[in-house]
Amino acid sequence: MIERVHLITSLPSGAVTGAQLADWIKGHWKIENLLHHVRDRTFREDDSTIHVGHLPRIMAGLRNLAIGVHRQDGHTNIVAALRHTARDWRRPLAALGITG
């Protein structure tokens, strides 16, 4: 089966190969699936009622931080990692390397 994909780019004709474009597209969707999809589904970011000033960007940064910390700890299921961390107030601090 042959799948035909049409793309629009600002690159001049012949500047890159089809394989390079395919790699860029795969890279984009990898980011989409690892970060944006998690923010949308786990944190329900699209349903947020925060729309004033810099707050949406700040909240996105905090969500990215939470996802990144859990991924750095080796978690692939962010929902399960959030539940585990929420059970004890010391766990988020330990995940950030803060002990007291």
Protein backbone atom coordinates (compact mmCIF):
# COMPACT_ATOMS: atom_id res chain seq x y z
CA MET A 1 0.00 0.00 0.00
CA ILE A 2 1.33 3.45 -0.88
CA GLU A 3 0.44 6.41 1.25
CA ARG A 4 0.73 9.82 -0.33
CA VAL A 5 1.28 12.83 1.91
CA HIS A 6 1.23 16.46 0.82
CA LEU A 7 3.22 18.98 2.81
CA ILE A 8 3.60 22.72 2.71
CA THR A 9 6.98 24.17 3.60
CA SER A 10 8.84 27.41 3.13
CA LEU A 11 11.99 25.57 2.05
CA PRO A 12 13.13 26.05 -1.53
CA SER A 13 12.59 23.12 -3.84
CA GLY A 14 15.34 20.52 -3.49
CA ALA A 15 16.73 21.98 -0.23
CA VAL A 16 16.09 18.73 1.65
CA THR A 17 15.31 15.16 0.74
CA GLY A 18 12.01 13.42 1.30
CA ALA A 19 13.69 11.30 3.97
CA GLN A 20 14.77 14.43 5.86
CA LEU A 21 11.24 15.83 5.73
CA ALA A 22 9.89 12.50 6.96
CA ASP A 23 12.34 12.55 9.89
CA TRP A 24 11.27 16.10 10.82
CA ILE A 25 7.62 15.10 10.73
CA LYS A 26 8.26 12.02 12.88
CA GLY A 27 10.17 14.20 15.34
CA HIS A 28 7.26 16.63 15.53
CA TRP A 29 4.76 13.86 16.26
CA LYS A 30 7.07 12.31 18.84
CA ILE A 31 7.02 15.61 20.75
CA GLU A 32 3.26 15.85 20.23
CA ASN A 33 2.71 12.37 21.64
CA LEU A 34 5.16 12.66 24.54
CA LEU A 35 4.28 16.12 25.76
CA HIS A 36 1.25 17.84 24.28
CA HIS A 37 -0.94 14.74 24.30
CA VAL A 38 -0.09 14.12 27.97
CA ARG A 39 -0.83 17.76 28.84
CA ASP A 40 -4.14 17.58 26.99
CA ARG A 41 -5.30 14.22 28.30
CA THR A 42 -3.77 13.96 31.77
CA PHE A 43 -3.95 17.59 32.86
CA ARG A 44 -7.00 18.42 30.68
CA GLU A 45 -5.19 21.54 29.51
CA ASP A 46 -7.70 22.26 26.75
CA ASP A 47 -10.46 22.54 29.37
CA SER A 48 -8.52 25.05 31.49
CA THR A 49 -10.34 28.25 32.41
CA ILE A 50 -7.06 30.12 32.94
CA HIS A 51 -6.87 32.68 30.13
CA VAL A 52 -5.48 35.86 31.72
CA GLY A 53 -2.06 37.37 31.04
CA HIS A 54 0.92 35.08 31.42
CA LEU A 55 -0.92 32.47 33.52
CA PRO A 56 -1.59 30.01 30.67
CA ARG A 57 2.13 29.95 29.79
CA ILE A 58 3.10 29.57 33.46
CA MET A 59 0.69 26.67 33.92
CA ALA A 60 1.99 24.99 30.75
CA GLY A 61 5.52 25.35 32.15
CA LEU A 62 4.50 23.77 35.45
CA ARG A 63 2.82 20.91 33.63
CA ASN A 64 5.94 20.42 31.51
CA LEU A 65 8.03 20.40 34.69
CA ALA A 66 5.86 17.71 36.26
CA ILE A 67 5.98 15.57 33.13
CA GLY A 68 9.74 16.05 32.74
CA VAL A 69 10.51 15.18 36.37
CA HIS A 70 8.49 11.98 36.16
CA ARG A 71 10.03 11.00 32.83
CA GLN A 72 13.50 11.68 34.25
CA ASP A 73 12.64 9.30 37.10
CA GLY A 74 11.89 6.64 34.47
CA HIS A 75 8.10 6.77 34.53
CA THR A 76 6.33 6.19 31.24
CA ASN A 77 2.80 6.36 32.67
CA ILE A 78 2.45 9.93 33.88
CA VAL A 79 -1.01 9.37 35.37
CA ALA A 80 0.30 6.55 37.56
CA ALA A 81 3.35 8.63 38.51
CA LEU A 82 1.15 11.59 39.51
CA ARG A 83 -1.08 9.35 41.64
CA HIS A 84 1.94 7.77 43.33
CA THR A 85 3.53 11.16 44.03
CA ALA A 86 0.27 12.63 45.36
CA ARG A 87 -0.01 10.00 48.10
CA ASP A 88 2.78 11.53 50.18
CA TRP A 89 3.71 15.22 50.29
CA ARG A 90 7.44 14.33 50.49
CA ARG A 91 7.48 12.47 47.16
CA PRO A 92 7.26 15.54 44.88
CA LEU A 93 10.09 17.15 46.82
CA ALA A 94 12.21 14.01 46.56
CA ALA A 95 11.53 13.80 42.83
CA LEU A 96 12.90 17.35 42.52
CA GLY A 97 15.93 16.46 44.64
CA ILE A 98 14.72 18.54 47.58
CA THR A 99 14.97 16.84 50.96
CA GLY A 100 14.50 18.28 54.35
